[in-house]
Amino acid sequence: MNIKLSIQLITLIITCAITTKVTGQDLKKHKWNNRILIIKTTDQNSIKYTKQIKEFTNLNTELKDRKFVLYWITNNNFSAVNYLNEKLNYSNKITERFAKRTLNKKEPFEIILIGLDGRKKLKQTQVLTKEQLFSIIDAMPMRINEMKNKK
């Protein structure tokens, strides 16, 4: 194999690897590392979405303590906020596969909570208060163990 062909092949492999990481929303990568909260809207100006943003403003410490990654989804775009590691924050387009598997396209606003085990713990179309969220999480056996181990 000549050098030029080798370089082209390596470049292609690297490009595919980078593209796959950036455009995919593989929630499995969070399993056992992060709890996931997906907040989806089709209208950034909706009352529910605006209330939801206010509800989770200034909760960085609490969300970090509970190992959260938030996916803010507006139409076909998303921003992932990893409270444990800011370097893992990114934004892009959602994939059709992710939308079909995870989201209800008929709902203009929805919230999905996924636990450390990768299972859906909550799915609703109403604003989720911080008190409701923390109550659900703090009652989970793994979270109870986390809190005991901190003491």
C-alpha atoms as a PDB file:
ATOM      1  CA  MET A   1       0.000   0.000   0.000  1.00  0.00           C
ATOM      2  CA  ASN A   2       1.486   3.351  -0.935  1.00  0.00           C
ATOM      3  CA  ILE A   3       1.851   6.192   1.547  1.00  0.00           C
ATOM      4  CA  LYS A   4      -0.735   8.458  -0.103  1.00  0.00           C
ATOM      5  CA  LEU A   5      -3.412   5.750   0.030  1.00  0.00           C
ATOM      6  CA  SER A   6      -2.519   4.974   3.660  1.00  0.00           C
ATOM      7  CA  ILE A   7      -2.907   8.630   4.656  1.00  0.00           C
ATOM      8  CA  GLN A   8      -6.260   8.864   2.868  1.00  0.00           C
ATOM      9  CA  LEU A   9      -7.491   5.721   4.628  1.00  0.00           C
ATOM     10  CA  ILE A  10      -6.386   6.980   8.060  1.00  0.00           C
ATOM     11  CA  THR A  11      -8.030  10.356   7.395  1.00  0.00           C
ATOM     12  CA  LEU A  12     -11.270   8.636   6.404  1.00  0.00           C
ATOM     13  CA  ILE A  13     -11.275   6.487   9.549  1.00  0.00           C
ATOM     14  CA  ILE A  14     -10.624   9.496  11.811  1.00  0.00           C
ATOM     15  CA  THR A  15     -13.330  11.553  10.059  1.00  0.00           C
ATOM     16  CA  CYS A  16     -15.869   8.746  10.496  1.00  0.00           C
ATOM     17  CA  ALA A  17     -14.987   8.368  14.183  1.00  0.00           C
ATOM     18  CA  ILE A  18     -15.318  12.103  14.862  1.00  0.00           C
ATOM     19  CA  THR A  19     -18.566  12.421  12.901  1.00  0.00           C
ATOM     20  CA  THR A  20     -20.119   9.456  14.686  1.00  0.00           C
ATOM     21  CA  LYS A  21     -19.308  10.919  18.118  1.00  0.00           C
ATOM     22  CA  VAL A  22     -20.577  14.394  17.314  1.00  0.00           C
ATOM     23  CA  THR A  23     -23.817  13.576  15.489  1.00  0.00           C
ATOM     24  CA  GLY A  24     -25.012  10.625  17.546  1.00  0.00           C
ATOM     25  CA  GLN A  25     -26.899  10.769  20.797  1.00  0.00           C
ATOM     26  CA  ASP A  26     -25.921   7.421  22.235  1.00  0.00           C
ATOM     27  CA  LEU A  27     -27.482   7.444  25.675  1.00  0.00           C
ATOM     28  CA  LYS A  28     -25.848   4.075  26.430  1.00  0.00           C
ATOM     29  CA  LYS A  29     -22.536   5.860  26.947  1.00  0.00           C
ATOM     30  CA  HIS A  30     -24.036   7.402  30.093  1.00  0.00           C
ATOM     31  CA  LYS A  31     -25.108   4.095  31.638  1.00  0.00           C
ATOM     32  CA  TRP A  32     -23.733   3.702  35.193  1.00  0.00           C
ATOM     33  CA  ASN A  33     -22.015   7.116  34.881  1.00  0.00           C
ATOM     34  CA  ASN A  34     -24.802   9.674  34.541  1.00  0.00           C
ATOM     35  CA  ARG A  35     -28.473  10.218  35.115  1.00  0.00           C
ATOM     36  CA  ILE A  36     -30.071  11.804  32.065  1.00  0.00           C
ATOM     37  CA  LEU A  37     -32.774  14.417  31.902  1.00  0.00           C
ATOM     38  CA  ILE A  38     -34.144  15.168  28.449  1.00  0.00           C
ATOM     39  CA  ILE A  39     -36.158  18.357  28.060  1.00  0.00           C
ATOM     40  CA  LYS A  40     -37.736  18.687  24.625  1.00  0.00           C
ATOM     41  CA  THR A  41     -39.770  21.478  23.077  1.00  0.00           C
ATOM     42  CA  THR A  42     -40.937  22.436  19.631  1.00  0.00           C
ATOM     43  CA  ASP A  43     -41.311  26.066  20.724  1.00  0.00           C
ATOM     44  CA  GLN A  44     -38.534  27.798  22.669  1.00  0.00           C
ATOM     45  CA  ASN A  45     -40.957  30.555  23.621  1.00  0.00           C
ATOM     46  CA  SER A  46     -43.600  28.268  25.092  1.00  0.00           C
ATOM     47  CA  ILE A  47     -44.692  28.901  28.665  1.00  0.00           C
ATOM     48  CA  LYS A  48     -43.793  25.361  29.761  1.00  0.00           C
ATOM     49  CA  TYR A  49     -40.291  25.510  28.309  1.00  0.00           C
ATOM     50  CA  THR A  50     -39.635  28.949  29.787  1.00  0.00           C
ATOM     51  CA  LYS A  51     -40.822  27.754  33.219  1.00  0.00           C
ATOM     52  CA  GLN A  52     -38.654  24.633  32.910  1.00  0.00           C
ATOM     53  CA  ILE A  53     -35.542  26.676  32.164  1.00  0.00           C
ATOM     54  CA  LYS A  54     -36.209  28.874  35.206  1.00  0.00           C
ATOM     55  CA  GLU A  55     -36.758  25.780  37.349  1.00  0.00           C
ATOM     56  CA  PHE A  56     -33.280  24.407  36.607  1.00  0.00           C
ATOM     57  CA  THR A  57     -31.364  27.685  36.600  1.00  0.00           C
ATOM     58  CA  ASN A  58     -28.616  27.908  39.253  1.00  0.00           C
ATOM     59  CA  LEU A  59     -28.754  24.215  40.207  1.00  0.00           C
ATOM     60  CA  ASN A  60     -25.270  23.284  38.986  1.00  0.00           C
ATOM     61  CA  THR A  61     -24.100  21.966  42.364  1.00  0.00           C
ATOM     62  CA  GLU A  62     -27.225  19.865  42.924  1.00  0.00           C
ATOM     63  CA  LEU A  63     -27.183  18.463  39.383  1.00  0.00           C
ATOM     64  CA  LYS A  64     -23.469  17.701  39.591  1.00  0.00           C
ATOM     65  CA  ASP A  65     -23.937  15.945  42.925  1.00  0.00           C
ATOM     66  CA  ARG A  66     -26.608  13.739  41.322  1.00  0.00           C
ATOM     67  CA  LYS A  67     -24.432  13.015  38.242  1.00  0.00           C
ATOM     68  CA  PHE A  68     -26.739  14.631  35.702  1.00  0.00           C
ATOM     69  CA  VAL A  69     -26.439  15.203  31.989  1.00  0.00           C
ATOM     70  CA  LEU A  70     -29.190  17.426  30.584  1.00  0.00           C
ATOM     71  CA  TYR A  71     -30.223  17.208  26.963  1.00  0.00           C
ATOM     72  CA  TRP A  72     -32.043  20.385  25.955  1.00  0.00           C
ATOM     73  CA  ILE A  73     -33.808  19.597  22.670  1.00  0.00           C
ATOM     74  CA  THR A  74     -35.459  22.209  20.486  1.00  0.00           C
ATOM     75  CA  ASN A  75     -36.964  20.841  17.285  1.00  0.00           C
ATOM     76  CA  ASN A  76     -34.061  18.969  15.624  1.00  0.00           C
ATOM     77  CA  ASN A  77     -31.229  20.492  17.668  1.00  0.00           C
ATOM     78  CA  PHE A  78     -29.848  19.567  21.048  1.00  0.00           C
ATOM     79  CA  SER A  79     -27.363  20.782  23.625  1.00  0.00           C
ATOM     80  CA  ALA A  80     -25.904  18.278  26.079  1.00  0.00           C
ATOM     81  CA  VAL A  81     -24.784  19.680  29.419  1.00  0.00           C
ATOM     82  CA  ASN A  82     -22.654  17.321  31.501  1.00  0.00           C
ATOM     83  CA  TYR A  83     -22.510  18.631  35.065  1.00  0.00           C
ATOM     84  CA  LEU A  84     -19.648  16.294  36.025  1.00  0.00           C
ATOM     85  CA  ASN A  85     -17.390  17.323  33.155  1.00  0.00           C
ATOM     86  CA  GLU A  86     -17.937  20.557  31.209  1.00  0.00           C
ATOM     87  CA  LYS A  87     -15.488  19.374  28.532  1.00  0.00           C
ATOM     88  CA  LEU A  88     -18.117  16.832  27.467  1.00  0.00           C
ATOM     89  CA  ASN A  89     -20.748  19.510  26.703  1.00  0.00           C
ATOM     90  CA  TYR A  90     -21.705  19.726  23.049  1.00  0.00           C
ATOM     91  CA  SER A  91     -24.482  20.689  20.633  1.00  0.00           C
ATOM     92  CA  ASN A  92     -25.660  19.300  17.336  1.00  0.00           C
ATOM     93  CA  LYS A  93     -28.636  17.932  15.406  1.00  0.00           C
ATOM     94  CA  ILE A  94     -30.593  15.014  16.823  1.00  0.00           C
ATOM     95  CA  THR A  95     -30.578  11.855  14.766  1.00  0.00           C
ATOM     96  CA  GLU A  96     -33.748  10.398  13.336  1.00  0.00           C
ATOM     97  CA  ARG A  97     -33.056   7.153  15.188  1.00  0.00           C
ATOM     98  CA  PHE A  98     -32.802   8.983  18.528  1.00  0.00           C
ATOM     99  CA  ALA A  99     -36.008  10.912  17.836  1.00  0.00           C
ATOM    100  CA  LYS A 100     -37.943   7.752  16.949  1.00  0.00           C
ATOM    101  CA  ARG A 101     -36.640   5.693  19.870  1.00  0.00           C
ATOM    102  CA  THR A 102     -36.775   8.310  22.601  1.00  0.00           C
ATOM    103  CA  LEU A 103     -39.094  11.195  21.805  1.00  0.00           C
ATOM    104  CA  ASN A 104     -42.826  11.494  21.205  1.00  0.00           C
ATOM    105  CA  LYS A 105     -43.097  13.643  18.090  1.00  0.00           C
ATOM    106  CA  LYS A 106     -46.766  14.388  18.830  1.00  0.00           C
ATOM    107  CA  GLU A 107     -45.895  16.169  22.065  1.00  0.00           C
ATOM    108  CA  PRO A 108     -44.698  19.798  21.842  1.00  0.00           C
ATOM    109  CA  PHE A 109     -43.106  19.557  25.315  1.00  0.00           C
ATOM    110  CA  GLU A 110     -41.849  16.531  27.182  1.00  0.00           C
ATOM    111  CA  ILE A 111     -39.462  15.519  29.907  1.00  0.00           C
ATOM    112  CA  ILE A 112     -37.762  12.150  30.179  1.00  0.00           C
ATOM    113  CA  LEU A 113     -35.706  11.003  33.157  1.00  0.00           C
ATOM    114  CA  ILE A 114     -33.307   8.098  32.698  1.00  0.00           C
ATOM    115  CA  GLY A 115     -31.545   6.527  35.656  1.00  0.00           C
ATOM    116  CA  LEU A 116     -27.990   5.298  36.014  1.00  0.00           C
ATOM    117  CA  ASP A 117     -29.192   1.844  34.937  1.00  0.00           C
ATOM    118  CA  GLY A 118     -30.306   3.247  31.565  1.00  0.00           C
ATOM    119  CA  ARG A 119     -34.024   2.777  32.224  1.00  0.00           C
ATOM    120  CA  LYS A 120     -36.713   5.431  31.891  1.00  0.00           C
ATOM    121  CA  LYS A 121     -37.838   6.545  35.325  1.00  0.00           C
ATOM    122  CA  LEU A 122     -40.216   9.317  34.290  1.00  0.00           C
ATOM    123  CA  LYS A 123     -41.856  10.623  31.146  1.00  0.00           C
ATOM    124  CA  GLN A 124     -44.233  13.574  31.345  1.00  0.00           C
ATOM    125  CA  THR A 125     -45.540  16.553  29.425  1.00  0.00           C
ATOM    126  CA  GLN A 126     -45.720  18.957  32.360  1.00  0.00           C
ATOM    127  CA  VAL A 127     -43.039  21.131  33.925  1.00  0.00           C
ATOM    128  CA  LEU A 128     -40.881  19.163  36.357  1.00  0.00           C
ATOM    129  CA  THR A 129     -39.988  21.066  39.514  1.00  0.00           C
ATOM    130  CA  LYS A 130     -36.589  20.700  41.100  1.00  0.00           C
ATOM    131  CA  GLU A 131     -38.278  19.367  44.223  1.00  0.00           C
ATOM    132  CA  GLN A 132     -40.048  16.654  42.220  1.00  0.00           C
ATOM    133  CA  LEU A 133     -36.859  15.717  40.384  1.00  0.00           C
ATOM    134  CA  PHE A 134     -34.702  15.530  43.510  1.00  0.00           C
ATOM    135  CA  SER A 135     -37.400  13.636  45.391  1.00  0.00           C
ATOM    136  CA  ILE A 136     -37.523  10.973  42.663  1.00  0.00           C
ATOM    137  CA  ILE A 137     -33.734  10.706  42.415  1.00  0.00           C
ATOM    138  CA  ASP A 138     -33.028  10.793  46.143  1.00  0.00           C
ATOM    139  CA  ALA A 139     -35.465   7.904  46.727  1.00  0.00           C
ATOM    140  CA  MET A 140     -33.588   5.616  44.309  1.00  0.00           C
ATOM    141  CA  PRO A 141     -31.455   2.891  45.921  1.00  0.00           C
ATOM    142  CA  MET A 142     -28.265   3.880  44.080  1.00  0.00           C
ATOM    143  CA  ARG A 143     -28.655   7.511  45.124  1.00  0.00           C
ATOM    144  CA  ILE A 144     -29.285   6.481  48.729  1.00  0.00           C
ATOM    145  CA  ASN A 145     -25.996   4.543  48.623  1.00  0.00           C
ATOM    146  CA  GLU A 146     -24.206   7.541  47.105  1.00  0.00           C
ATOM    147  CA  MET A 147     -25.436   9.764  49.931  1.00  0.00           C
ATOM    148  CA  LYS A 148     -24.427   7.196  52.597  1.00  0.00           C
ATOM    149  CA  ASN A 149     -20.937   6.851  51.098  1.00  0.00           C
ATOM    150  CA  LYS A 150     -20.422  10.633  51.207  1.00  0.00           C
ATOM    151  CA  LYS A 151     -20.897  10.730  54.983  1.00  0.00           C
END
